[in-house]
Amino acid sequence: MGQNPDDMFDDEDYPAYTIGRAAEMLGTSQDFLRRLDEAKLIDPHRSGGGHRRYSRYQLRLAARAREMVDQGTALEAACRIIILEDQLEEALRQNENQQHRGTRQHE
């Protein structure tokens, strides 16, 4: 059975946006989004026809990259910083989850 459309659009990782719509929403060019893909910041989903599709999570990363580039940071450096920030956030989240599990086991 298929996924409920409302659930798909609530999903941060659902690839709902075409490259044209994503560029329009971010106020940037489609080429900028392609360069973020080349820099490995985002890996857009590919439709059956090979077209890029972006999630809200990916658009947030792209918006952060654009902000940093607009402030003078080189694109490659901005992408690396964002990747490291994202990895750190995930590691902190996992650490917190582990701590909560350990606390519950000792109760």
PDB file of N, CA and C in Angstrom:
ATOM      1  N   MET A   1       0.845  -1.185   0.000  1.00  0.00           N
ATOM      2  CA  MET A   1       0.000   0.000   0.000  1.00  0.00           C
ATOM      3  C   MET A   1       0.887   1.245   0.000  1.00  0.00           C
ATOM      4  N   GLY A   2       0.493   2.299  -0.709  1.00  0.00           N
ATOM      5  CA  GLY A   2       1.271   3.523  -0.818  1.00  0.00           C
ATOM      6  C   GLY A   2       1.237   4.360   0.443  1.00  0.00           C
ATOM      7  N   GLN A   3       2.168   5.275   0.518  1.00  0.00           N
ATOM      8  CA  GLN A   3       2.260   6.168   1.666  1.00  0.00           C
ATOM      9  C   GLN A   3       1.225   7.286   1.529  1.00  0.00           C
ATOM     10  N   ASN A   4       0.627   7.678   2.645  1.00  0.00           N
ATOM     11  CA  ASN A   4      -0.334   8.775   2.672  1.00  0.00           C
ATOM     12  C   ASN A   4       0.367  10.060   2.233  1.00  0.00           C
ATOM     13  N   PRO A   5      -0.181  10.812   1.264  1.00  0.00           N
ATOM     14  CA  PRO A   5       0.468  12.041   0.801  1.00  0.00           C
ATOM     15  C   PRO A   5       0.756  13.038   1.929  1.00  0.00           C
ATOM     16  N   ASP A   6      -0.136  13.136   2.908  1.00  0.00           N
ATOM     17  CA  ASP A   6       0.114  14.061   4.023  1.00  0.00           C
ATOM     18  C   ASP A   6       1.349  13.640   4.805  1.00  0.00           C
ATOM     19  N   ASP A   7       1.552  12.339   4.989  1.00  0.00           N
ATOM     20  CA  ASP A   7       2.726  11.839   5.693  1.00  0.00           C
ATOM     21  C   ASP A   7       3.994  12.138   4.906  1.00  0.00           C
ATOM     22  N   MET A   8       3.928  12.020   3.577  1.00  0.00           N
ATOM     23  CA  MET A   8       5.109  12.266   2.749  1.00  0.00           C
ATOM     24  C   MET A   8       5.564  13.720   2.878  1.00  0.00           C
ATOM     25  N   PHE A   9       4.631  14.648   2.877  1.00  0.00           N
ATOM     26  CA  PHE A   9       5.014  16.053   2.920  1.00  0.00           C
ATOM     27  C   PHE A   9       5.398  16.505   4.322  1.00  0.00           C
ATOM     28  N   ASP A  10       5.038  15.734   5.345  1.00  0.00           N
ATOM     29  CA  ASP A  10       5.508  16.020   6.699  1.00  0.00           C
ATOM     30  C   ASP A  10       6.911  15.458   6.924  1.00  0.00           C
ATOM     31  N   ASP A  11       7.334  14.554   6.046  1.00  0.00           N
ATOM     32  CA  ASP A  11       8.634  13.901   6.150  1.00  0.00           C
ATOM     33  C   ASP A  11       9.729  14.859   5.672  1.00  0.00           C
ATOM     34  N   GLU A  12      10.660  15.177   6.567  1.00  0.00           N
ATOM     35  CA  GLU A  12      11.771  16.090   6.246  1.00  0.00           C
ATOM     36  C   GLU A  12      12.627  15.592   5.092  1.00  0.00           C
ATOM     37  N   ASP A  13      12.654  14.267   4.887  1.00  0.00           N
ATOM     38  CA  ASP A  13      13.529  13.664   3.877  1.00  0.00           C
ATOM     39  C   ASP A  13      12.812  13.303   2.581  1.00  0.00           C
ATOM     40  N   TYR A  14      11.517  13.599   2.496  1.00  0.00           N
ATOM     41  CA  TYR A  14      10.772  13.272   1.284  1.00  0.00           C
ATOM     42  C   TYR A  14      11.195  14.218   0.158  1.00  0.00           C
ATOM     43  N   PRO A  15      11.631  13.689  -0.984  1.00  0.00           N
ATOM     44  CA  PRO A  15      12.113  14.533  -2.092  1.00  0.00           C
ATOM     45  C   PRO A  15      10.973  15.183  -2.875  1.00  0.00           C
ATOM     46  N   ALA A  16      10.434  16.240  -2.322  1.00  0.00           N
ATOM     47  CA  ALA A  16       9.224  16.855  -2.865  1.00  0.00           C
ATOM     48  C   ALA A  16       9.483  17.955  -3.889  1.00  0.00           C
ATOM     49  N   TYR A  17      10.692  18.483  -3.968  1.00  0.00           N
ATOM     50  CA  TYR A  17      10.922  19.694  -4.756  1.00  0.00           C
ATOM     51  C   TYR A  17      11.847  19.452  -5.945  1.00  0.00           C
ATOM     52  N   THR A  18      11.431  19.929  -7.106  1.00  0.00           N
ATOM     53  CA  THR A  18      12.272  19.864  -8.300  1.00  0.00           C
ATOM     54  C   THR A  18      13.414  20.864  -8.139  1.00  0.00           C
ATOM     55  N   ILE A  19      14.417  20.733  -8.970  1.00  0.00           N
ATOM     56  CA  ILE A  19      15.555  21.654  -8.897  1.00  0.00           C
ATOM     57  C   ILE A  19      15.108  23.084  -9.194  1.00  0.00           C
ATOM     58  N   GLY A  20      14.180  23.246 -10.127  1.00  0.00           N
ATOM     59  CA  GLY A  20      13.682  24.593 -10.447  1.00  0.00           C
ATOM     60  C   GLY A  20      12.954  25.222  -9.274  1.00  0.00           C
ATOM     61  N   ARG A  21      12.090  24.446  -8.642  1.00  0.00           N
ATOM     62  CA  ARG A  21      11.336  24.951  -7.481  1.00  0.00           C
ATOM     63  C   ARG A  21      12.279  25.208  -6.312  1.00  0.00           C
ATOM     64  N   ALA A  22      13.239  24.310  -6.093  1.00  0.00           N
ATOM     65  CA  ALA A  22      14.195  24.487  -4.997  1.00  0.00           C
ATOM     66  C   ALA A  22      15.003  25.771  -5.195  1.00  0.00           C
ATOM     67  N   ALA A  23      15.492  25.994  -6.406  1.00  0.00           N
ATOM     68  CA  ALA A  23      16.268  27.203  -6.700  1.00  0.00           C
ATOM     69  C   ALA A  23      15.416  28.449  -6.485  1.00  0.00           C
ATOM     70  N   GLU A  24      14.171  28.393  -6.918  1.00  0.00           N
ATOM     71  CA  GLU A  24      13.259  29.523  -6.745  1.00  0.00           C
ATOM     72  C   GLU A  24      13.033  29.806  -5.253  1.00  0.00           C
ATOM     73  N   MET A  25      12.791  28.760  -4.480  1.00  0.00           N
ATOM     74  CA  MET A  25      12.538  28.928  -3.048  1.00  0.00           C
ATOM     75  C   MET A  25      13.747  29.517  -2.322  1.00  0.00           C
ATOM     76  N   LEU A  26      14.948  29.127  -2.761  1.00  0.00           N
ATOM     77  CA  LEU A  26      16.177  29.591  -2.110  1.00  0.00           C
ATOM     78  C   LEU A  26      16.698  30.902  -2.690  1.00  0.00           C
ATOM     79  N   GLY A  27      16.118  31.336  -3.801  1.00  0.00           N
ATOM     80  CA  GLY A  27      16.592  32.559  -4.442  1.00  0.00           C
ATOM     81  C   GLY A  27      17.990  32.393  -5.008  1.00  0.00           C
ATOM     82  N   THR A  28      18.245  31.227  -5.561  1.00  0.00           N
ATOM     83  CA  THR A  28      19.560  30.934  -6.117  1.00  0.00           C
ATOM     84  C   THR A  28      19.396  30.289  -7.485  1.00  0.00           C
ATOM     85  N   SER A  29      20.484  29.925  -8.104  1.00  0.00           N
ATOM     86  CA  SER A  29      20.416  29.304  -9.430  1.00  0.00           C
ATOM     87  C   SER A  29      20.410  27.780  -9.319  1.00  0.00           C
ATOM     88  N   GLN A  30      19.930  27.155 -10.372  1.00  0.00           N
ATOM     89  CA  GLN A  30      19.983  25.701 -10.427  1.00  0.00           C
ATOM     90  C   GLN A  30      21.437  25.230 -10.449  1.00  0.00           C
ATOM     91  N   ASP A  31      22.303  26.002 -11.073  1.00  0.00           N
ATOM     92  CA  ASP A  31      23.725  25.664 -11.113  1.00  0.00           C
ATOM     93  C   ASP A  31      24.314  25.616  -9.707  1.00  0.00           C
ATOM     94  N   PHE A  32      23.902  26.538  -8.833  1.00  0.00           N
ATOM     95  CA  PHE A  32      24.388  26.533  -7.458  1.00  0.00           C
ATOM     96  C   PHE A  32      24.015  25.216  -6.783  1.00  0.00           C
ATOM     97  N   LEU A  33      22.788  24.755  -6.996  1.00  0.00           N
ATOM     98  CA  LEU A  33      22.362  23.478  -6.405  1.00  0.00           C
ATOM     99  C   LEU A  33      23.153  22.308  -6.984  1.00  0.00           C
ATOM    100  N   ARG A  34      23.449  22.350  -8.266  1.00  0.00           N
ATOM    101  CA  ARG A  34      24.270  21.297  -8.878  1.00  0.00           C
ATOM    102  C   ARG A  34      25.675  21.290  -8.268  1.00  0.00           C
ATOM    103  N   ARG A  35      26.201  22.465  -8.006  1.00  0.00           N
ATOM    104  CA  ARG A  35      27.537  22.560  -7.402  1.00  0.00           C
ATOM    105  C   ARG A  35      27.548  22.006  -5.976  1.00  0.00           C
ATOM    106  N   LEU A  36      26.438  22.164  -5.245  1.00  0.00           N
ATOM    107  CA  LEU A  36      26.351  21.577  -3.901  1.00  0.00           C
ATOM    108  C   LEU A  36      26.341  20.057  -3.990  1.00  0.00           C
ATOM    109  N   ASP A  37      25.724  19.537  -5.027  1.00  0.00           N
ATOM    110  CA  ASP A  37      25.726  18.096  -5.279  1.00  0.00           C
ATOM    111  C   ASP A  37      27.156  17.639  -5.580  1.00  0.00           C
ATOM    112  N   GLU A  38      27.855  18.356  -6.447  1.00  0.00           N
ATOM    113  CA  GLU A  38      29.241  18.019  -6.799  1.00  0.00           C
ATOM    114  C   GLU A  38      30.161  18.088  -5.577  1.00  0.00           C
ATOM    115  N   ALA A  39      29.883  19.036  -4.675  1.00  0.00           N
ATOM    116  CA  ALA A  39      30.691  19.199  -3.461  1.00  0.00           C
ATOM    117  C   ALA A  39      30.293  18.202  -2.369  1.00  0.00           C
ATOM    118  N   LYS A  40      29.317  17.351  -2.665  1.00  0.00           N
ATOM    119  CA  LYS A  40      28.863  16.289  -1.753  1.00  0.00           C
ATOM    120  C   LYS A  40      28.145  16.802  -0.508  1.00  0.00           C
ATOM    121  N   LEU A  41      27.634  18.039  -0.563  1.00  0.00           N
ATOM    122  CA  LEU A  41      26.852  18.536   0.565  1.00  0.00           C
ATOM    123  C   LEU A  41      25.477  17.891   0.564  1.00  0.00           C
ATOM    124  N   ILE A  42      24.876  17.833  -0.601  1.00  0.00           N
ATOM    125  CA  ILE A  42      23.559  17.199  -0.710  1.00  0.00           C
ATOM    126  C   ILE A  42      23.598  16.188  -1.853  1.00  0.00           C
ATOM    127  N   ASP A  43      22.845  15.141  -1.692  1.00  0.00           N
ATOM    128  CA  ASP A  43      22.744  14.099  -2.704  1.00  0.00           C
ATOM    129  C   ASP A  43      21.262  13.955  -3.028  1.00  0.00           C
ATOM    130  N   PRO A  44      20.769  14.766  -3.978  1.00  0.00           N
ATOM    131  CA  PRO A  44      19.340  14.743  -4.261  1.00  0.00           C
ATOM    132  C   PRO A  44      18.888  13.390  -4.803  1.00  0.00           C
ATOM    133  N   HIS A  45      17.649  13.080  -4.494  1.00  0.00           N
ATOM    134  CA  HIS A  45      17.018  11.888  -5.039  1.00  0.00           C
ATOM    135  C   HIS A  45      16.891  12.086  -6.545  1.00  0.00           C
ATOM    136  N   ARG A  46      16.970  11.015  -7.297  1.00  0.00           N
ATOM    137  CA  ARG A  46      16.778  11.099  -8.752  1.00  0.00           C
ATOM    138  C   ARG A  46      15.461  10.435  -9.123  1.00  0.00           C
ATOM    139  N   SER A  47      14.660  11.135  -9.893  1.00  0.00           N
ATOM    140  CA  SER A  47      13.391  10.573 -10.382  1.00  0.00           C
ATOM    141  C   SER A  47      13.711   9.494 -11.408  1.00  0.00           C
ATOM    142  N   GLY A  48      12.700   8.779 -11.850  1.00  0.00           N
ATOM    143  CA  GLY A  48      12.885   7.761 -12.870  1.00  0.00           C
ATOM    144  C   GLY A  48      13.544   8.306 -14.125  1.00  0.00           C
ATOM    145  N   GLY A  49      13.290   9.569 -14.437  1.00  0.00           N
ATOM    146  CA  GLY A  49      13.886  10.213 -15.601  1.00  0.00           C
ATOM    147  C   GLY A  49      15.238  10.847 -15.320  1.00  0.00           C
ATOM    148  N   GLY A  50      15.744  10.695 -14.085  1.00  0.00           N
ATOM    149  CA  GLY A  50      17.059  11.224 -13.737  1.00  0.00           C
ATOM    150  C   GLY A  50      17.052  12.660 -13.229  1.00  0.00           C
ATOM    151  N   HIS A  51      15.871  13.238 -13.004  1.00  0.00           N
ATOM    152  CA  HIS A  51      15.777  14.617 -12.531  1.00  0.00           C
ATOM    153  C   HIS A  51      16.009  14.691 -11.024  1.00  0.00           C
ATOM    154  N   ARG A  52      16.692  15.737 -10.599  1.00  0.00           N
ATOM    155  CA  ARG A  52      16.970  15.932  -9.174  1.00  0.00           C
ATOM    156  C   ARG A  52      15.698  16.330  -8.430  1.00  0.00           C
ATOM    157  N   ARG A  53      15.524  15.754  -7.239  1.00  0.00           N
ATOM    158  CA  ARG A  53      14.409  16.085  -6.348  1.00  0.00           C
ATOM    159  C   ARG A  53      14.998  16.318  -4.959  1.00  0.00           C
ATOM    160  N   TYR A  54      14.575  17.402  -4.316  1.00  0.00           N
ATOM    161  CA  TYR A  54      15.148  17.823  -3.038  1.00  0.00           C
ATOM    162  C   TYR A  54      14.143  17.732  -1.896  1.00  0.00           C
ATOM    163  N   SER A  55      14.644  17.410  -0.721  1.00  0.00           N
ATOM    164  CA  SER A  55      13.824  17.365   0.492  1.00  0.00           C
ATOM    165  C   SER A  55      13.947  18.697   1.235  1.00  0.00           C
ATOM    166  N   ARG A  56      13.080  18.886   2.202  1.00  0.00           N
ATOM    167  CA  ARG A  56      13.168  20.109   3.024  1.00  0.00           C
ATOM    168  C   ARG A  56      14.489  20.146   3.789  1.00  0.00           C
ATOM    169  N   TYR A  57      14.937  19.001   4.270  1.00  0.00           N
ATOM    170  CA  TYR A  57      16.221  18.939   4.968  1.00  0.00           C
ATOM    171  C   TYR A  57      17.350  19.407   4.046  1.00  0.00           C
ATOM    172  N   GLN A  58      17.365  18.921   2.814  1.00  0.00           N
ATOM    173  CA  GLN A  58      18.395  19.330   1.865  1.00  0.00           C
ATOM    174  C   GLN A  58      18.300  20.811   1.533  1.00  0.00           C
ATOM    175  N   LEU A  59      17.088  21.333   1.466  1.00  0.00           N
ATOM    176  CA  LEU A  59      16.931  22.768   1.193  1.00  0.00           C
ATOM    177  C   LEU A  59      17.484  23.603   2.342  1.00  0.00           C
ATOM    178  N   ARG A  60      17.334  23.129   3.579  1.00  0.00           N
ATOM    179  CA  ARG A  60      17.911  23.858   4.720  1.00  0.00           C
ATOM    180  C   ARG A  60      19.438  23.885   4.623  1.00  0.00           C
ATOM    181  N   LEU A  61      20.042  22.760   4.238  1.00  0.00           N
ATOM    182  CA  LEU A  61      21.496  22.725   4.062  1.00  0.00           C
ATOM    183  C   LEU A  61      21.925  23.669   2.943  1.00  0.00           C
ATOM    184  N   ALA A  62      21.187  23.657   1.855  1.00  0.00           N
ATOM    185  CA  ALA A  62      21.508  24.531   0.719  1.00  0.00           C
ATOM    186  C   ALA A  62      21.374  26.003   1.107  1.00  0.00           C
ATOM    187  N   ALA A  63      20.351  26.323   1.891  1.00  0.00           N
ATOM    188  CA  ALA A  63      20.161  27.711   2.334  1.00  0.00           C
ATOM    189  C   ALA A  63      21.325  28.146   3.220  1.00  0.00           C
ATOM    190  N   ARG A  64      21.782  27.247   4.084  1.00  0.00           N
ATOM    191  CA  ARG A  64      22.929  27.562   4.952  1.00  0.00           C
ATOM    192  C   ARG A  64      24.183  27.792   4.102  1.00  0.00           C
ATOM    193  N   ALA A  65      24.381  26.948   3.087  1.00  0.00           N
ATOM    194  CA  ALA A  65      25.537  27.105   2.199  1.00  0.00           C
ATOM    195  C   ALA A  65      25.467  28.434   1.458  1.00  0.00           C
ATOM    196  N   ARG A  66      24.303  28.769   0.971  1.00  0.00           N
ATOM    197  CA  ARG A  66      24.151  30.042   0.249  1.00  0.00           C
ATOM    198  C   ARG A  66      24.472  31.220   1.157  1.00  0.00           C
ATOM    199  N   GLU A  67      23.980  31.150   2.383  1.00  0.00           N
ATOM    200  CA  GLU A  67      24.248  32.218   3.352  1.00  0.00           C
ATOM    201  C   GLU A  67      25.754  32.376   3.586  1.00  0.00           C
ATOM    202  N   MET A  68      26.446  31.265   3.747  1.00  0.00           N
ATOM    203  CA  MET A  68      27.893  31.326   3.988  1.00  0.00           C
ATOM    204  C   MET A  68      28.642  31.846   2.761  1.00  0.00           C
ATOM    205  N   VAL A  69      28.244  31.397   1.567  1.00  0.00           N
ATOM    206  CA  VAL A  69      28.882  31.857   0.332  1.00  0.00           C
ATOM    207  C   VAL A  69      28.632  33.353   0.150  1.00  0.00           C
ATOM    208  N   ASP A  70      27.411  33.796   0.440  1.00  0.00           N
ATOM    209  CA  ASP A  70      27.084  35.222   0.338  1.00  0.00           C
ATOM    210  C   ASP A  70      27.935  36.067   1.290  1.00  0.00           C
ATOM    211  N   GLN A  71      28.380  35.455   2.394  1.00  0.00           N
ATOM    212  CA  GLN A  71      29.207  36.167   3.370  1.00  0.00           C
ATOM    213  C   GLN A  71      30.694  36.068   3.037  1.00  0.00           C
ATOM    214  N   GLY A  72      31.029  35.407   1.914  1.00  0.00           N
ATOM    215  CA  GLY A  72      32.406  35.371   1.460  1.00  0.00           C
ATOM    216  C   GLY A  72      33.146  34.064   1.669  1.00  0.00           C
ATOM    217  N   THR A  73      32.490  33.050   2.195  1.00  0.00           N
ATOM    218  CA  THR A  73      33.139  31.751   2.382  1.00  0.00           C
ATOM    219  C   THR A  73      33.156  31.016   1.047  1.00  0.00           C
ATOM    220  N   ALA A  74      34.282  30.396   0.725  1.00  0.00           N
ATOM    221  CA  ALA A  74      34.369  29.604  -0.502  1.00  0.00           C
ATOM    222  C   ALA A  74      33.365  28.458  -0.435  1.00  0.00           C
ATOM    223  N   LEU A  75      32.779  28.120  -1.566  1.00  0.00           N
ATOM    224  CA  LEU A  75      31.743  27.087  -1.607  1.00  0.00           C
ATOM    225  C   LEU A  75      32.220  25.768  -0.992  1.00  0.00           C
ATOM    226  N   GLU A  76      33.406  25.313  -1.371  1.00  0.00           N
ATOM    227  CA  GLU A  76      33.916  24.037  -0.867  1.00  0.00           C
ATOM    228  C   GLU A  76      34.101  24.095   0.647  1.00  0.00           C
ATOM    229  N   ALA A  77      34.601  25.212   1.154  1.00  0.00           N
ATOM    230  CA  ALA A  77      34.783  25.370   2.597  1.00  0.00           C
ATOM    231  C   ALA A  77      33.434  25.398   3.312  1.00  0.00           C
ATOM    232  N   ALA A  78      32.470  26.105   2.752  1.00  0.00           N
ATOM    233  CA  ALA A  78      31.132  26.177   3.344  1.00  0.00           C
ATOM    234  C   ALA A  78      30.522  24.783   3.423  1.00  0.00           C
ATOM    235  N   CYS A  79      30.651  24.018   2.356  1.00  0.00           N
ATOM    236  CA  CYS A  79      30.092  22.662   2.343  1.00  0.00           C
ATOM    237  C   CYS A  79      30.765  21.794   3.398  1.00  0.00           C
ATOM    238  N   ARG A  80      32.063  21.896   3.519  1.00  0.00           N
ATOM    239  CA  ARG A  80      32.782  21.084   4.519  1.00  0.00           C
ATOM    240  C   ARG A  80      32.354  21.471   5.930  1.00  0.00           C
ATOM    241  N   ILE A  81      32.227  22.745   6.199  1.00  0.00           N
ATOM    242  CA  ILE A  81      31.795  23.216   7.521  1.00  0.00           C
ATOM    243  C   ILE A  81      30.404  22.678   7.842  1.00  0.00           C
ATOM    244  N   ILE A  82      29.496  22.777   6.883  1.00  0.00           N
ATOM    245  CA  ILE A  82      28.121  22.323   7.109  1.00  0.00           C
ATOM    246  C   ILE A  82      28.085  20.813   7.336  1.00  0.00           C
ATOM    247  N   ILE A  83      28.865  20.062   6.572  1.00  0.00           N
ATOM    248  CA  ILE A  83      28.929  18.611   6.759  1.00  0.00           C
ATOM    249  C   ILE A  83      29.431  18.286   8.166  1.00  0.00           C
ATOM    250  N   LEU A  84      30.481  18.965   8.599  1.00  0.00           N
ATOM    251  CA  LEU A  84      31.016  18.715   9.942  1.00  0.00           C
ATOM    252  C   LEU A  84      30.028  19.110  11.031  1.00  0.00           C
ATOM    253  N   GLU A  85      29.340  20.227  10.844  1.00  0.00           N
ATOM    254  CA  GLU A  85      28.314  20.631  11.812  1.00  0.00           C
ATOM    255  C   GLU A  85      27.203  19.588  11.896  1.00  0.00           C
ATOM    256  N   ASP A  86      26.796  19.076  10.746  1.00  0.00           N
ATOM    257  CA  ASP A  86      25.737  18.076  10.698  1.00  0.00           C
ATOM    258  C   ASP A  86      26.186  16.779  11.380  1.00  0.00           C
ATOM    259  N   GLN A  87      27.430  16.368  11.137  1.00  0.00           N
ATOM    260  CA  GLN A  87      27.965  15.166  11.777  1.00  0.00           C
ATOM    261  C   GLN A  87      28.048  15.343  13.288  1.00  0.00           C
ATOM    262  N   LEU A  88      28.469  16.511  13.730  1.00  0.00           N
ATOM    263  CA  LEU A  88      28.555  16.786  15.161  1.00  0.00           C
ATOM    264  C   LEU A  88      27.174  16.745  15.798  1.00  0.00           C
ATOM    265  N   GLU A  89      26.202  17.366  15.151  1.00  0.00           N
ATOM    266  CA  GLU A  89      24.831  17.367  15.680  1.00  0.00           C
ATOM    267  C   GLU A  89      24.305  15.939  15.808  1.00  0.00           C
ATOM    268  N   GLU A  90      24.552  15.107  14.805  1.00  0.00           N
ATOM    269  CA  GLU A  90      24.101  13.714  14.844  1.00  0.00           C
ATOM    270  C   GLU A  90      24.809  12.945  15.959  1.00  0.00           C
ATOM    271  N   ALA A  91      26.110  13.150  16.128  1.00  0.00           N
ATOM    272  CA  ALA A  91      26.857  12.472  17.188  1.00  0.00           C
ATOM    273  C   ALA A  91      26.341  12.885  18.569  1.00  0.00           C
ATOM    274  N   LEU A  92      26.058  14.162  18.747  1.00  0.00           N
ATOM    275  CA  LEU A  92      25.518  14.639  20.031  1.00  0.00           C
ATOM    276  C   LEU A  92      24.138  14.039  20.289  1.00  0.00           C
ATOM    277  N   ARG A  93      23.324  13.932  19.249  1.00  0.00           N
ATOM    278  CA  ARG A  93      21.990  13.339  19.386  1.00  0.00           C
ATOM    279  C   ARG A  93      22.105  11.859  19.779  1.00  0.00           C
ATOM    280  N   GLN A  94      23.009  11.135  19.143  1.00  0.00           N
ATOM    281  CA  GLN A  94      23.211   9.724  19.470  1.00  0.00           C
ATOM    282  C   GLN A  94      23.727   9.561  20.899  1.00  0.00           C
ATOM    283  N   ASN A  95      24.646  10.426  21.300  1.00  0.00           N
ATOM    284  CA  ASN A  95      25.188  10.382  22.660  1.00  0.00           C
ATOM    285  C   ASN A  95      24.081  10.619  23.682  1.00  0.00           C
ATOM    286  N   GLU A  96      23.233  11.586  23.418  1.00  0.00           N
ATOM    287  CA  GLU A  96      22.129  11.881  24.327  1.00  0.00           C
ATOM    288  C   GLU A  96      21.170  10.695  24.422  1.00  0.00           C
ATOM    289  N   ASN A  97      20.878  10.063  23.283  1.00  0.00           N
ATOM    290  CA  ASN A  97      20.006   8.884  23.284  1.00  0.00           C
ATOM    291  C   ASN A  97      20.619   7.745  24.086  1.00  0.00           C
ATOM    292  N   GLN A  98      21.917   7.544  23.947  1.00  0.00           N
ATOM    293  CA  GLN A  98      22.615   6.497  24.711  1.00  0.00           C
ATOM    294  C   GLN A  98      22.542   6.786  26.203  1.00  0.00           C
ATOM    295  N   GLN A  99      22.730   8.038  26.576  1.00  0.00           N
ATOM    296  CA  GLN A  99      22.669   8.407  27.984  1.00  0.00           C
ATOM    297  C   GLN A  99      21.279   8.165  28.553  1.00  0.00           C
ATOM    298  N   HIS A 100      20.242   8.481  27.797  1.00  0.00           N
ATOM    299  CA  HIS A 100      18.864   8.268  28.259  1.00  0.00           C
ATOM    300  C   HIS A 100      18.575   6.779  28.418  1.00  0.00           C
ATOM    301  N   ARG A 101      19.083   5.955  27.479  1.00  0.00           N
ATOM    302  CA  ARG A 101      18.882   4.511  27.585  1.00  0.00           C
ATOM    303  C   ARG A 101      19.587   3.964  28.812  1.00  0.00           C
ATOM    304  N   GLY A 102      20.792   4.443  29.073  1.00  0.00           N
ATOM    305  CA  GLY A 102      21.548   3.985  30.234  1.00  0.00           C
ATOM    306  C   GLY A 102      20.874   4.378  31.526  1.00  0.00           C
ATOM    307  N   THR A 103      20.284   5.564  31.576  1.00  0.00           N
ATOM    308  CA  THR A 103      19.579   6.039  32.770  1.00  0.00           C
ATOM    309  C   THR A 103      18.347   5.180  33.036  1.00  0.00           C
ATOM    310  N   ARG A 104      17.608   4.852  31.989  1.00  0.00           N
ATOM    311  CA  ARG A 104      16.390   4.040  32.140  1.00  0.00           C
ATOM    312  C   ARG A 104      16.715   2.628  32.597  1.00  0.00           C
ATOM    313  N   GLN A 105      17.844   2.085  32.156  1.00  0.00           N
ATOM    314  CA  GLN A 105      18.219   0.721  32.522  1.00  0.00           C
ATOM    315  C   GLN A 105      18.606   0.620  33.999  1.00  0.00           C
ATOM    316  N   HIS A 106      19.099   1.715  34.574  1.00  0.00           N
ATOM    317  CA  HIS A 106      19.545   1.717  35.962  1.00  0.00           C
ATOM    318  C   HIS A 106      18.435   2.083  36.936  1.00  0.00           C
ATOM    319  N   GLU A 107      17.252   2.392  36.450  1.00  0.00           N
ATOM    320  CA  GLU A 107      16.149   2.791  37.340  1.00  0.00           C
ATOM    321  C   GLU A 107      15.474   1.587  37.952  1.00  0.00           C
TER     322      GLU A 107
END
